């Protein structure tokens, strides 16, 4: 699947006013599945955000398969919601995710802060720590509920998974066929911050 420059797929929420009362329809669900790669090119838009006036964001579900089944998200993705409403959720079932850092950065930027359930069929998964030589900061995953599964590989955590929340700590689940490795300097956080 290729989402080209100028393409838009939107299930964004909506707000309506009835007299002195406002009602919100939450963002919907967008499902994209392919037996190969999924590429969202620069200039494309995928939108499950809540309405600007309020309402919860929706769900983006992506699945890839095949020999590589790569996911490249170069376009704009939106899953944000106003304060007091739930941010978006992401459900990813991927053949491989060698570019996990790039995928995570895009999910953070888009506002997928409610939940992320990421399953990778082949290969190891790395949430990278900081690299002092290149001055690259470590990966930070930010979601109230986070699940990461490596069907045929290991999970290596060098960065931070933060499931903390003002209404109570969230959840973190890590499942791997092989090892789950927590490097020195890594953090798993699920604190209540109120």
C-alpha atoms as a PDB file:
ATOM      1  CA  UNK A   1       0.000   0.000   0.000  1.00  0.00           C
ATOM      2  CA  UNK A   2       1.326   3.428  -0.942  1.00  0.00           C
ATOM      3  CA  UNK A   3      -0.308   6.610   0.349  1.00  0.00           C
ATOM      4  CA  UNK A   4       0.821   9.284  -2.078  1.00  0.00           C
ATOM      5  CA  UNK A   5       1.420  12.998  -1.644  1.00  0.00           C
ATOM      6  CA  UNK A   6      -1.945  14.743  -1.316  1.00  0.00           C
ATOM      7  CA  UNK A   7      -3.882  11.646  -0.227  1.00  0.00           C
ATOM      8  CA  UNK A   8      -6.091  11.805   2.876  1.00  0.00           C
ATOM      9  CA  UNK A   9      -7.699   9.060   4.938  1.00  0.00           C
ATOM     10  CA  UNK A  10      -9.739  10.592   7.741  1.00  0.00           C
ATOM     11  CA  UNK A  11     -11.858   9.192  10.539  1.00  0.00           C
ATOM     12  CA  UNK A  12     -11.448  12.288  12.692  1.00  0.00           C
ATOM     13  CA  UNK A  13     -13.952  13.085  15.410  1.00  0.00           C
ATOM     14  CA  UNK A  14     -16.646  15.717  15.107  1.00  0.00           C
ATOM     15  CA  UNK A  15     -18.342  18.226  17.392  1.00  0.00           C
ATOM     16  CA  UNK A  16     -21.905  19.511  17.147  1.00  0.00           C
ATOM     17  CA  UNK A  17     -23.672  22.203  19.127  1.00  0.00           C
ATOM     18  CA  UNK A  18     -27.343  21.922  20.059  1.00  0.00           C
ATOM     19  CA  UNK A  19     -28.439  25.141  21.687  1.00  0.00           C
ATOM     20  CA  UNK A  20     -26.151  25.556  24.679  1.00  0.00           C
ATOM     21  CA  UNK A  21     -25.000  21.907  24.650  1.00  0.00           C
ATOM     22  CA  UNK A  22     -22.055  20.433  22.750  1.00  0.00           C
ATOM     23  CA  UNK A  23     -21.841  16.784  21.718  1.00  0.00           C
ATOM     24  CA  UNK A  24     -18.753  14.974  20.495  1.00  0.00           C
ATOM     25  CA  UNK A  25     -18.327  11.979  18.198  1.00  0.00           C
ATOM     26  CA  UNK A  26     -15.012  10.259  18.919  1.00  0.00           C
ATOM     27  CA  UNK A  27     -12.459   9.592  16.231  1.00  0.00           C
ATOM     28  CA  UNK A  28     -13.121   6.401  14.323  1.00  0.00           C
ATOM     29  CA  UNK A  29     -11.018   3.432  13.223  1.00  0.00           C
ATOM     30  CA  UNK A  30      -8.741   3.237  10.196  1.00  0.00           C
ATOM     31  CA  UNK A  31      -7.481  -0.228   9.221  1.00  0.00           C
ATOM     32  CA  UNK A  32      -4.703  -0.683   6.667  1.00  0.00           C
ATOM     33  CA  UNK A  33      -3.519  -4.195   5.808  1.00  0.00           C
ATOM     34  CA  UNK A  34      -1.134  -5.371   3.111  1.00  0.00           C
ATOM     35  CA  UNK A  35       0.749  -8.496   2.054  1.00  0.00           C
ATOM     36  CA  UNK A  36       3.796  -6.303   1.450  1.00  0.00           C
ATOM     37  CA  UNK A  37       5.095  -2.902   2.536  1.00  0.00           C
ATOM     38  CA  UNK A  38       3.031   0.039   3.701  1.00  0.00           C
ATOM     39  CA  UNK A  39       4.462   3.423   2.739  1.00  0.00           C
ATOM     40  CA  UNK A  40       2.875   6.725   3.727  1.00  0.00           C
ATOM     41  CA  UNK A  41       4.737   9.303   1.649  1.00  0.00           C
ATOM     42  CA  UNK A  42       5.398  12.890   2.667  1.00  0.00           C
ATOM     43  CA  UNK A  43       2.301  14.973   2.001  1.00  0.00           C
ATOM     44  CA  UNK A  44      -0.155  12.181   2.865  1.00  0.00           C
ATOM     45  CA  UNK A  45      -2.504  12.388   5.863  1.00  0.00           C
ATOM     46  CA  UNK A  46      -4.008   9.704   8.109  1.00  0.00           C
ATOM     47  CA  UNK A  47      -6.285  11.236  10.756  1.00  0.00           C
ATOM     48  CA  UNK A  48      -8.038   9.608  13.738  1.00  0.00           C
ATOM     49  CA  UNK A  49      -7.832  12.665  15.999  1.00  0.00           C
ATOM     50  CA  UNK A  50     -10.548  13.941  18.259  1.00  0.00           C
ATOM     51  CA  UNK A  51     -12.448  17.063  17.247  1.00  0.00           C
ATOM     52  CA  UNK A  52     -10.773  20.413  17.883  1.00  0.00           C
ATOM     53  CA  UNK A  53     -13.454  21.297  20.445  1.00  0.00           C
ATOM     54  CA  UNK A  54     -13.238  17.967  22.292  1.00  0.00           C
ATOM     55  CA  UNK A  55     -13.914  14.247  22.112  1.00  0.00           C
ATOM     56  CA  UNK A  56     -11.709  11.160  22.172  1.00  0.00           C
ATOM     57  CA  UNK A  57      -9.356  10.221  19.357  1.00  0.00           C
ATOM     58  CA  UNK A  58      -9.726   6.903  17.548  1.00  0.00           C
ATOM     59  CA  UNK A  59      -7.720   3.842  16.504  1.00  0.00           C
ATOM     60  CA  UNK A  60      -5.210   3.209  13.727  1.00  0.00           C
ATOM     61  CA  UNK A  61      -4.659  -0.482  12.907  1.00  0.00           C
ATOM     62  CA  UNK A  62      -1.866  -1.486  10.501  1.00  0.00           C
ATOM     63  CA  UNK A  63      -0.740  -4.939   9.409  1.00  0.00           C
ATOM     64  CA  UNK A  64       2.059  -5.908   7.041  1.00  0.00           C
ATOM     65  CA  UNK A  65       3.300  -9.324   5.950  1.00  0.00           C
ATOM     66  CA  UNK A  66       5.541 -10.953   3.388  1.00  0.00           C
ATOM     67  CA  UNK A  67       9.298 -11.180   3.109  1.00  0.00           C
ATOM     68  CA  UNK A  68       9.931  -7.684   4.414  1.00  0.00           C
ATOM     69  CA  UNK A  69       6.596  -6.098   5.272  1.00  0.00           C
ATOM     70  CA  UNK A  70       8.171  -2.748   6.089  1.00  0.00           C
ATOM     71  CA  UNK A  71       6.294   0.211   7.540  1.00  0.00           C
ATOM     72  CA  UNK A  72       7.445   3.686   6.493  1.00  0.00           C
ATOM     73  CA  UNK A  73       5.479   6.620   7.896  1.00  0.00           C
ATOM     74  CA  UNK A  74       6.808   9.740   6.188  1.00  0.00           C
ATOM     75  CA  UNK A  75       3.430  11.449   5.917  1.00  0.00           C
ATOM     76  CA  UNK A  76       1.381  13.225   8.580  1.00  0.00           C
ATOM     77  CA  UNK A  77      -0.497  11.136  11.112  1.00  0.00           C
ATOM     78  CA  UNK A  78      -2.816  12.689  13.682  1.00  0.00           C
ATOM     79  CA  UNK A  79      -4.260  11.014  16.767  1.00  0.00           C
ATOM     80  CA  UNK A  80      -4.341  13.882  19.239  1.00  0.00           C
ATOM     81  CA  UNK A  81      -7.177  14.914  21.521  1.00  0.00           C
ATOM     82  CA  UNK A  82      -7.896  17.922  23.687  1.00  0.00           C
ATOM     83  CA  UNK A  83      -6.997  17.866  27.386  1.00  0.00           C
ATOM     84  CA  UNK A  84      -9.485  15.755  29.324  1.00  0.00           C
ATOM     85  CA  UNK A  85     -10.144  13.377  26.427  1.00  0.00           C
ATOM     86  CA  UNK A  86      -8.389  10.190  25.349  1.00  0.00           C
ATOM     87  CA  UNK A  87      -5.605  10.367  22.822  1.00  0.00           C
ATOM     88  CA  UNK A  88      -5.365   7.868  19.983  1.00  0.00           C
ATOM     89  CA  UNK A  89      -4.559   4.156  20.043  1.00  0.00           C
ATOM     90  CA  UNK A  90      -2.350   2.202  17.639  1.00  0.00           C
ATOM     91  CA  UNK A  91      -2.499  -1.514  16.823  1.00  0.00           C
ATOM     92  CA  UNK A  92       0.444  -2.640  14.688  1.00  0.00           C
ATOM     93  CA  UNK A  93       1.009  -6.205  13.452  1.00  0.00           C
ATOM     94  CA  UNK A  94       4.214  -6.054  11.412  1.00  0.00           C
ATOM     95  CA  UNK A  95       6.345  -8.561   9.551  1.00  0.00           C
ATOM     96  CA  UNK A  96       9.472  -6.694  10.688  1.00  0.00           C
ATOM     97  CA  UNK A  97      10.392  -3.406  12.368  1.00  0.00           C
ATOM     98  CA  UNK A  98      14.074  -2.714  11.865  1.00  0.00           C
ATOM     99  CA  UNK A  99      13.201   1.002  11.967  1.00  0.00           C
ATOM    100  CA  UNK A 100      11.424   0.900  15.335  1.00  0.00           C
ATOM    101  CA  UNK A 101      12.947   4.203  16.471  1.00  0.00           C
ATOM    102  CA  UNK A 102      11.455   6.015  13.468  1.00  0.00           C
ATOM    103  CA  UNK A 103       8.055   4.347  13.954  1.00  0.00           C
ATOM    104  CA  UNK A 104       8.025   5.240  17.653  1.00  0.00           C
ATOM    105  CA  UNK A 105       8.976   8.855  16.972  1.00  0.00           C
ATOM    106  CA  UNK A 106       6.104   9.156  14.496  1.00  0.00           C
ATOM    107  CA  UNK A 107       3.612   7.636  16.961  1.00  0.00           C
ATOM    108  CA  UNK A 108       4.763  10.059  19.673  1.00  0.00           C
ATOM    109  CA  UNK A 109       4.486  13.019  17.312  1.00  0.00           C
ATOM    110  CA  UNK A 110       1.023  11.957  16.146  1.00  0.00           C
ATOM    111  CA  UNK A 111      -0.378  11.720  19.677  1.00  0.00           C
ATOM    112  CA  UNK A 112      -0.929   7.973  20.141  1.00  0.00           C
ATOM    113  CA  UNK A 113      -0.850   8.366  23.905  1.00  0.00           C
ATOM    114  CA  UNK A 114      -3.729   6.132  25.016  1.00  0.00           C
ATOM    115  CA  UNK A 115      -2.506   2.693  23.964  1.00  0.00           C
ATOM    116  CA  UNK A 116      -0.037   0.982  21.649  1.00  0.00           C
ATOM    117  CA  UNK A 117      -0.082  -2.724  20.896  1.00  0.00           C
ATOM    118  CA  UNK A 118       2.835  -3.604  18.625  1.00  0.00           C
ATOM    119  CA  UNK A 119       3.523  -7.154  17.398  1.00  0.00           C
ATOM    120  CA  UNK A 120       6.506  -7.989  15.193  1.00  0.00           C
ATOM    121  CA  UNK A 121       6.614 -11.424  13.554  1.00  0.00           C
ATOM    122  CA  UNK A 122      10.313 -11.682  12.666  1.00  0.00           C
ATOM    123  CA  UNK A 123      13.445 -10.235  14.235  1.00  0.00           C
ATOM    124  CA  UNK A 124      14.557  -8.473  17.373  1.00  0.00           C
ATOM    125  CA  UNK A 125      13.044  -5.235  18.661  1.00  0.00           C
ATOM    126  CA  UNK A 126      15.173  -2.478  20.135  1.00  0.00           C
ATOM    127  CA  UNK A 127      14.070   0.579  22.056  1.00  0.00           C
ATOM    128  CA  UNK A 128      17.412   2.299  21.750  1.00  0.00           C
ATOM    129  CA  UNK A 129      19.274   4.082  24.507  1.00  0.00           C
ATOM    130  CA  UNK A 130      21.160   7.312  24.046  1.00  0.00           C
ATOM    131  CA  UNK A 131      24.372   7.311  22.026  1.00  0.00           C
ATOM    132  CA  UNK A 132      26.924   9.736  23.511  1.00  0.00           C
ATOM    133  CA  UNK A 133      29.184   9.448  20.467  1.00  0.00           C
ATOM    134  CA  UNK A 134      26.553  10.685  18.026  1.00  0.00           C
ATOM    135  CA  UNK A 135      24.653  12.673  20.685  1.00  0.00           C
ATOM    136  CA  UNK A 136      21.532  10.759  19.713  1.00  0.00           C
ATOM    137  CA  UNK A 137      18.953  10.769  22.535  1.00  0.00           C
ATOM    138  CA  UNK A 138      17.403   7.503  23.649  1.00  0.00           C
ATOM    139  CA  UNK A 139      13.990   6.382  22.448  1.00  0.00           C
ATOM    140  CA  UNK A 140      11.060   7.344  24.665  1.00  0.00           C
ATOM    141  CA  UNK A 141       7.757   5.470  24.279  1.00  0.00           C
ATOM    142  CA  UNK A 142       4.827   7.446  25.699  1.00  0.00           C
ATOM    143  CA  UNK A 143       1.478   5.661  26.076  1.00  0.00           C
ATOM    144  CA  UNK A 144      -0.840   4.891  28.974  1.00  0.00           C
ATOM    145  CA  UNK A 145      -0.927   1.245  27.937  1.00  0.00           C
ATOM    146  CA  UNK A 146       1.951  -0.317  26.004  1.00  0.00           C
ATOM    147  CA  UNK A 147       2.366  -3.881  24.756  1.00  0.00           C
ATOM    148  CA  UNK A 148       5.322  -5.054  22.675  1.00  0.00           C
ATOM    149  CA  UNK A 149       5.648  -8.594  21.270  1.00  0.00           C
ATOM    150  CA  UNK A 150       8.502 -10.224  19.342  1.00  0.00           C
ATOM    151  CA  UNK A 151       7.228 -13.535  17.934  1.00  0.00           C
ATOM    152  CA  UNK A 152      10.643 -14.804  16.792  1.00  0.00           C
ATOM    153  CA  UNK A 153      13.218 -12.606  18.439  1.00  0.00           C
ATOM    154  CA  UNK A 154      14.297 -10.689  21.517  1.00  0.00           C
ATOM    155  CA  UNK A 155      13.314  -7.331  22.979  1.00  0.00           C
ATOM    156  CA  UNK A 156      16.135  -4.999  23.956  1.00  0.00           C
ATOM    157  CA  UNK A 157      15.319  -1.953  26.081  1.00  0.00           C
ATOM    158  CA  UNK A 158      17.894   0.813  26.329  1.00  0.00           C
ATOM    159  CA  UNK A 159      15.563   3.794  26.361  1.00  0.00           C
ATOM    160  CA  UNK A 160      12.396   4.637  28.280  1.00  0.00           C
ATOM    161  CA  UNK A 161       8.854   3.276  28.251  1.00  0.00           C
ATOM    162  CA  UNK A 162       6.617   5.747  30.071  1.00  0.00           C
ATOM    163  CA  UNK A 163       3.064   4.665  30.903  1.00  0.00           C
ATOM    164  CA  UNK A 164       2.635   7.199  33.703  1.00  0.00           C
ATOM    165  CA  UNK A 165      -0.565   9.200  33.953  1.00  0.00           C
ATOM    166  CA  UNK A 166      -2.231  11.861  36.076  1.00  0.00           C
ATOM    167  CA  UNK A 167      -5.236   9.587  36.708  1.00  0.00           C
ATOM    168  CA  UNK A 168      -3.070   6.625  37.731  1.00  0.00           C
ATOM    169  CA  UNK A 169      -0.273   4.511  36.333  1.00  0.00           C
ATOM    170  CA  UNK A 170      -0.847   2.591  33.129  1.00  0.00           C
ATOM    171  CA  UNK A 171       0.478  -0.789  31.990  1.00  0.00           C
ATOM    172  CA  UNK A 172       3.560  -2.158  30.234  1.00  0.00           C
ATOM    173  CA  UNK A 173       3.756  -5.682  28.779  1.00  0.00           C
ATOM    174  CA  UNK A 174       6.826  -7.107  27.007  1.00  0.00           C
ATOM    175  CA  UNK A 175       6.587 -10.564  25.361  1.00  0.00           C
ATOM    176  CA  UNK A 176       9.421 -12.212  23.414  1.00  0.00           C
ATOM    177  CA  UNK A 177      10.167 -15.703  22.129  1.00  0.00           C
ATOM    178  CA  UNK A 178      13.777 -15.248  23.240  1.00  0.00           C
ATOM    179  CA  UNK A 179      15.145 -12.717  25.724  1.00  0.00           C
ATOM    180  CA  UNK A 180      13.870  -9.477  27.208  1.00  0.00           C
ATOM    181  CA  UNK A 181      16.956  -7.400  27.999  1.00  0.00           C
ATOM    182  CA  UNK A 182      16.935  -4.231  30.105  1.00  0.00           C
ATOM    183  CA  UNK A 183      20.159  -2.294  29.656  1.00  0.00           C
ATOM    184  CA  UNK A 184      21.705  -0.042  32.269  1.00  0.00           C
ATOM    185  CA  UNK A 185      20.044   3.358  32.067  1.00  0.00           C
ATOM    186  CA  UNK A 186      16.742   2.021  30.744  1.00  0.00           C
ATOM    187  CA  UNK A 187      13.457   2.947  32.444  1.00  0.00           C
ATOM    188  CA  UNK A 188      10.029   1.295  32.676  1.00  0.00           C
ATOM    189  CA  UNK A 189       7.644   3.815  34.254  1.00  0.00           C
ATOM    190  CA  UNK A 190       3.986   3.359  35.165  1.00  0.00           C
ATOM    191  CA  UNK A 191       3.568   5.967  37.878  1.00  0.00           C
ATOM    192  CA  UNK A 192       0.503   7.828  38.987  1.00  0.00           C
ATOM    193  CA  UNK A 193       1.406  11.505  38.730  1.00  0.00           C
ATOM    194  CA  UNK A 194      -1.601  13.264  40.265  1.00  0.00           C
END
